[in-house]
Amino acid sequence: MKPRMDAATQPLPPDIRLMNGVTALLLAGLVLAVLALAVHKLVRLPAFAIRHIQVEGEVGRNSVASLRANALPRLSGNFLTLKLSQGRAAFEAVPWVRRATVQRVWPNQIHVRLEEHQPAAYWESRPEGADAQSDAAAERALVNSFGEVFEANLGDVEDENLPVLAGPDGRAAQMLAMWRQLQAQSKVLDDAVERLDLSSRGSWRVTLERGAVIELGRGSDAEVLARYAQFAQTLPQIMAHYQTQLATADLRHAEGFAVRLRGVSTAPVVPVRGRAKKT
């Protein structure tokens, strides 16, 4: 004889089980929606508004007031909803700011640490296909101490006697490193590199502060620097002999370099190694 099952122990029909599951899901969804709405309203309470922005680090080019005026319009949200990446981008969009670190400080403060660009040179991007002798106009920007090109008000650095680097896009860091080494070698001449040009074909040209223009030619950085160092060691003897200053020099000769001296009508080729090349 089979045991009898009460109604309470009998399995529910499939359609009722499905209906109960759907009801449970709907209730769970409703509860989650209510919770989400409550959290949404909670995080937007005035109590979580950003009350204070603390700025530290390098602020030599910007005042705290100007930083806030430039960055705040780009911020959205409050202490809880502000995206730190958005805050960082807002401050890095301010002129002269190279890098910004943004942190939350409970309960309603934002802490910002800034690193500013340190200008090292003017930058002129050479048009595609133009060489170092091209007179094509170029918009000027600035190069920082890391060799990065950035935009800023050029009037802020007009009293800083920065050199000019002019070359193809993407070569600013290489050119700044080259300028620093050429500048050190120019101390032998009691002069300084005012401008450094690099053509799209890789030919270097130096303009010194006293106005002399020197064609360095092509080659690896080490080869060009060695060529200039040899020239810088030799030139003072030539100028002392003629009692005048350098006008132009061409270091692209295989057997020496050609110079033009102010007030001297000839342009001798000075032998550096081997036999001098005739002009």
Protein backbone atom coordinates (compact mmCIF):
# COMPACT_ATOMS: atom_id res chain seq x y z
CA MET A 1 0.00 0.00 0.00
CA LYS A 2 1.51 3.42 -1.12
CA PRO A 3 1.86 6.15 1.48
CA ARG A 4 -0.39 9.16 1.00
CA MET A 5 1.16 12.66 0.42
CA ASP A 6 -0.41 15.80 1.97
CA ALA A 7 -0.96 18.81 -0.10
CA ALA A 8 1.86 20.59 1.69
CA THR A 9 4.41 17.99 0.60
CA GLN A 10 3.25 17.65 -2.95
CA PRO A 11 5.55 19.32 -5.55
CA LEU A 12 4.14 22.47 -7.12
CA PRO A 13 3.19 22.40 -10.74
CA PRO A 14 5.90 23.80 -13.13
CA ASP A 15 3.86 26.87 -14.09
CA ILE A 16 3.41 27.89 -10.45
CA ARG A 17 7.14 27.39 -9.74
CA LEU A 18 7.96 29.58 -12.73
CA MET A 19 5.52 32.26 -11.56
CA ASN A 20 7.03 32.24 -8.05
CA GLY A 21 10.56 32.57 -9.49
CA VAL A 22 9.56 35.51 -11.68
CA THR A 23 7.88 37.17 -8.70
CA ALA A 24 11.01 36.75 -6.59
CA LEU A 25 13.16 38.22 -9.35
CA LEU A 26 10.82 41.16 -9.78
CA LEU A 27 10.87 41.84 -6.04
CA ALA A 28 14.67 41.62 -5.95
CA GLY A 29 14.90 44.00 -8.91
CA LEU A 30 12.52 46.42 -7.23
CA VAL A 31 14.54 46.36 -4.03
CA LEU A 32 17.78 46.97 -5.97
CA ALA A 33 16.17 49.82 -7.89
CA VAL A 34 14.99 51.45 -4.68
CA LEU A 35 18.45 51.04 -3.15
CA ALA A 36 20.11 52.48 -6.27
CA LEU A 37 17.76 55.47 -6.22
CA ALA A 38 18.47 56.01 -2.54
CA VAL A 39 22.24 55.84 -3.11
CA HIS A 40 21.90 58.16 -6.11
CA LYS A 41 20.11 60.75 -3.98
CA LEU A 42 22.46 60.22 -1.03
CA VAL A 43 25.71 60.81 -2.91
CA ARG A 44 24.29 64.04 -4.35
CA LEU A 45 23.42 65.57 -1.03
CA PRO A 46 24.95 69.02 -0.45
CA ALA A 47 26.97 67.52 2.39
CA PHE A 48 29.22 65.82 -0.18
CA ALA A 49 29.90 68.93 -2.26
CA ILE A 50 33.58 69.75 -2.71
CA ARG A 51 34.26 72.53 -0.21
CA HIS A 52 37.99 73.01 -0.59
CA ILE A 53 40.71 72.37 -3.17
CA GLN A 54 44.23 72.27 -1.77
CA VAL A 55 46.97 72.93 -4.34
CA GLU A 56 50.61 72.08 -3.66
CA GLY A 57 53.77 71.66 -5.69
CA GLU A 58 55.09 73.90 -8.44
CA VAL A 59 52.88 76.95 -8.94
CA GLY A 60 55.43 79.48 -10.15
CA ARG A 61 53.64 80.10 -13.46
CA ASN A 62 50.09 80.03 -12.07
CA SER A 63 48.52 81.41 -8.94
CA VAL A 64 46.21 79.17 -6.93
CA ALA A 65 43.33 81.45 -7.92
CA SER A 66 44.07 81.14 -11.64
CA LEU A 67 44.44 77.36 -11.34
CA ARG A 68 41.02 77.08 -9.76
CA ALA A 69 39.49 79.45 -12.28
CA ASN A 70 40.86 77.37 -15.20
CA ALA A 71 40.25 73.90 -13.78
CA LEU A 72 36.95 74.15 -11.86
CA PRO A 73 34.74 74.68 -14.94
CA ARG A 74 36.08 71.36 -16.26
CA LEU A 75 35.14 69.43 -13.09
CA SER A 76 31.77 67.76 -12.63
CA GLY A 77 30.34 65.87 -9.68
CA ASN A 78 31.01 66.07 -5.98
CA PHE A 79 33.44 64.50 -3.54
CA LEU A 80 32.02 61.00 -4.12
CA THR A 81 31.18 61.15 -7.83
CA LEU A 82 34.16 63.07 -9.20
CA LYS A 83 36.35 60.89 -11.41
CA LEU A 84 39.96 61.40 -10.40
CA SER A 85 41.08 60.91 -14.00
CA GLN A 86 38.78 63.75 -15.02
CA GLY A 87 40.17 65.93 -12.23
CA ARG A 88 43.73 65.19 -13.34
CA ALA A 89 42.89 66.06 -16.95
CA ALA A 90 41.23 69.31 -15.85
CA PHE A 91 44.33 70.53 -14.06
CA GLU A 92 46.72 69.28 -16.75
CA ALA A 93 44.76 71.35 -19.29
CA VAL A 94 45.83 74.52 -17.45
CA PRO A 95 48.74 76.31 -19.19
CA TRP A 96 52.18 75.43 -17.82
CA VAL A 97 50.94 72.35 -15.90
CA ARG A 98 52.86 69.26 -16.99
CA ARG A 99 51.45 66.72 -14.56
CA ALA A 100 48.77 66.72 -11.85
CA THR A 101 47.99 64.22 -9.09
CA VAL A 102 44.48 64.43 -7.63
CA GLN A 103 43.35 62.76 -4.39
CA ARG A 104 40.23 62.85 -2.24
CA VAL A 105 40.60 63.95 1.38
CA TRP A 106 37.58 63.10 3.53
CA PRO A 107 35.02 64.50 3.89
CA ASN A 108 34.85 67.19 1.18
CA GLN A 109 38.34 68.20 0.08
CA ILE A 110 40.40 67.61 -3.06
CA HIS A 111 44.18 67.59 -2.81
CA VAL A 112 46.09 68.48 -6.00
CA ARG A 113 49.86 68.25 -6.46
CA LEU A 114 51.25 69.93 -9.55
CA GLU A 115 54.41 69.69 -11.62
CA GLU A 116 54.99 72.57 -14.02
CA HIS A 117 56.82 72.64 -17.33
CA GLN A 118 60.33 74.04 -17.03
CA PRO A 119 61.02 75.77 -20.37
CA ALA A 120 64.33 74.83 -21.99
CA ALA A 121 63.94 76.12 -25.55
CA TYR A 122 61.59 77.46 -28.18
CA TRP A 123 60.36 74.88 -30.68
CA GLU A 124 59.76 75.40 -34.39
CA SER A 125 58.33 72.38 -36.16
CA ARG A 126 59.90 72.10 -39.59
CA PRO A 127 57.37 71.53 -42.42
CA GLU A 128 57.56 68.18 -44.20
CA GLY A 129 60.30 68.23 -46.81
CA ALA A 130 61.83 71.54 -45.67
CA ASP A 131 65.56 71.68 -45.04
CA ALA A 132 67.54 73.63 -42.45
CA GLN A 133 67.88 76.59 -44.84
CA SER A 134 64.16 76.89 -45.44
CA ASP A 135 62.54 80.21 -44.64
CA ALA A 136 59.13 78.60 -44.27
CA ALA A 137 57.28 80.19 -41.38
CA ALA A 138 56.74 77.99 -38.37
CA GLU A 139 54.51 78.39 -35.36
CA ARG A 140 56.54 78.51 -32.18
CA ALA A 141 55.87 76.41 -29.13
CA LEU A 142 58.09 75.52 -26.17
CA VAL A 143 60.22 72.55 -25.21
CA ASN A 144 60.48 71.61 -21.54
CA SER A 145 63.47 70.16 -19.71
CA PHE A 146 62.32 66.62 -20.63
CA GLY A 147 62.33 67.41 -24.34
CA GLU A 148 58.52 67.54 -24.52
CA VAL A 149 56.81 70.13 -26.73
CA PHE A 150 54.03 72.11 -25.04
CA GLU A 151 51.90 75.17 -25.69
CA ALA A 152 52.02 78.24 -23.45
CA ASN A 153 52.06 82.01 -23.63
CA LEU A 154 55.44 82.83 -25.19
CA GLY A 155 55.33 86.22 -23.54
CA ASP A 156 55.91 84.49 -20.20
CA VAL A 157 59.45 83.52 -21.26
CA GLU A 158 60.52 86.47 -23.38
CA ASP A 159 63.10 87.50 -20.77
CA GLU A 160 64.62 84.03 -20.33
CA ASN A 161 66.98 83.99 -23.35
CA LEU A 162 65.94 80.53 -24.52
CA PRO A 163 67.56 78.92 -27.58
CA VAL A 164 65.54 77.95 -30.64
CA LEU A 165 65.26 74.35 -31.79
CA ALA A 166 63.85 73.84 -35.29
CA GLY A 167 63.35 70.37 -36.68
CA PRO A 168 60.93 67.62 -37.72
CA ASP A 169 58.08 66.61 -35.44
CA GLY A 170 59.05 64.06 -32.83
CA ARG A 171 62.73 65.10 -32.68
CA ALA A 172 62.55 67.71 -29.91
CA ALA A 173 64.05 65.48 -27.20
CA GLN A 174 66.97 64.47 -29.44
CA MET A 175 67.56 68.08 -30.44
CA LEU A 176 67.52 69.31 -26.85
CA ALA A 177 70.11 66.68 -25.88
CA MET A 178 72.24 67.68 -28.88
CA TRP A 179 71.93 71.39 -28.03
CA ARG A 180 73.11 70.76 -24.46
CA GLN A 181 76.25 69.02 -25.69
CA LEU A 182 76.97 71.59 -28.40
CA GLN A 183 76.42 74.33 -25.85
CA ALA A 184 79.03 72.80 -23.55
CA GLN A 185 81.53 72.53 -26.41
CA SER A 186 80.91 76.15 -27.43
CA LYS A 187 82.41 77.40 -24.18
CA VAL A 188 85.82 76.97 -25.83
CA LEU A 189 84.74 79.66 -28.30
CA ASP A 190 83.45 81.90 -25.52
CA ASP A 191 80.10 81.75 -27.32
CA ALA A 192 76.76 79.98 -27.02
CA VAL A 193 74.38 78.14 -29.34
CA GLU A 194 71.45 80.46 -30.00
CA ARG A 195 69.71 78.28 -32.58
CA LEU A 196 69.95 74.64 -33.67
CA ASP A 197 68.37 73.44 -36.93
CA LEU A 198 67.85 69.89 -38.13
CA SER A 199 66.65 69.29 -41.69
CA SER A 200 64.30 66.51 -42.68
CA ARG A 201 67.32 64.82 -44.28
CA GLY A 202 69.24 64.85 -40.99
CA SER A 203 71.63 67.75 -41.58
CA TRP A 204 72.52 69.91 -38.56
CA ARG A 205 73.18 73.65 -38.49
CA VAL A 206 74.25 75.82 -35.53
CA THR A 207 73.78 79.56 -35.12
CA LEU A 208 75.91 81.11 -32.38
CA GLU A 209 74.93 84.11 -30.28
CA ARG A 210 77.52 86.30 -32.02
CA GLY A 211 75.88 85.54 -35.36
CA ALA A 212 78.15 82.87 -36.85
CA VAL A 213 76.38 80.10 -38.78
CA ILE A 214 78.02 76.66 -38.81
CA GLU A 215 76.97 73.80 -41.06
CA LEU A 216 77.62 70.57 -39.17
CA GLY A 217 76.33 68.16 -41.80
CA ARG A 218 74.89 64.70 -41.33
CA GLY A 219 75.90 61.65 -39.34
CA SER A 220 75.23 60.07 -35.99
CA ASP A 221 74.99 62.37 -32.99
CA ALA A 222 78.42 61.18 -31.82
CA GLU A 223 79.97 61.90 -35.23
CA VAL A 224 78.48 65.39 -35.43
CA LEU A 225 79.59 66.21 -31.87
CA ALA A 226 83.13 64.97 -32.54
CA ARG A 227 83.28 67.09 -35.70
CA TYR A 228 82.17 70.20 -33.83
CA ALA A 229 84.52 69.56 -30.89
CA GLN A 230 87.49 69.37 -33.27
CA PHE A 231 86.35 72.57 -34.98
CA ALA A 232 85.88 74.39 -31.66
CA GLN A 233 89.40 73.46 -30.56
CA THR A 234 90.93 74.75 -33.81
CA LEU A 235 88.92 77.92 -34.47
CA PRO A 236 90.38 80.17 -31.71
CA GLN A 237 93.83 79.85 -33.32
CA ILE A 238 92.44 80.93 -36.71
CA MET A 239 90.58 83.92 -35.28
CA ALA A 240 93.65 84.96 -33.30
CA HIS A 241 95.78 84.82 -36.45
CA TYR A 242 93.40 87.01 -38.47
CA GLN A 243 92.30 89.16 -35.49
CA THR A 244 88.64 88.87 -36.43
CA GLN A 245 85.47 86.91 -35.74
CA LEU A 246 83.84 83.96 -37.48
CA ALA A 247 81.08 84.64 -40.02
CA THR A 248 80.30 81.15 -41.36
CA ALA A 249 81.82 77.68 -41.28
CA ASP A 250 81.15 74.50 -43.21
CA LEU A 251 82.17 71.27 -41.48
CA ARG A 252 80.85 69.01 -44.22
CA HIS A 253 84.22 68.68 -45.98
CA ALA A 254 85.79 65.25 -45.65
CA GLU A 255 89.33 66.62 -45.20
CA GLY A 256 88.73 69.76 -43.17
CA PHE A 257 86.35 72.67 -42.76
CA ALA A 258 85.81 75.91 -44.68
CA VAL A 259 85.49 79.15 -42.77
CA ARG A 260 84.60 82.71 -43.67
CA LEU A 261 85.93 85.37 -41.33
CA ARG A 262 84.51 88.84 -40.97
CA GLY A 263 86.55 91.31 -42.99
CA VAL A 264 88.56 88.56 -44.71
CA SER A 265 87.76 88.09 -48.41
CA THR A 266 88.99 84.50 -48.74
CA ALA A 267 87.35 81.40 -47.35
CA PRO A 268 90.14 78.97 -46.51
CA VAL A 269 89.66 75.27 -46.00
CA VAL A 270 91.46 74.43 -42.79
CA PRO A 271 92.93 70.90 -42.77
CA VAL A 272 91.93 68.78 -39.83
CA ARG A 273 93.33 65.47 -40.95
CA GLY A 274 95.08 64.44 -44.14
CA ARG A 275 95.43 66.84 -47.06
CA ALA A 276 93.36 70.01 -47.18
CA LYS A 277 90.68 70.25 -49.81
CA LYS A 278 91.23 73.06 -52.33
CA THR A 279 88.56 75.68 -52.99
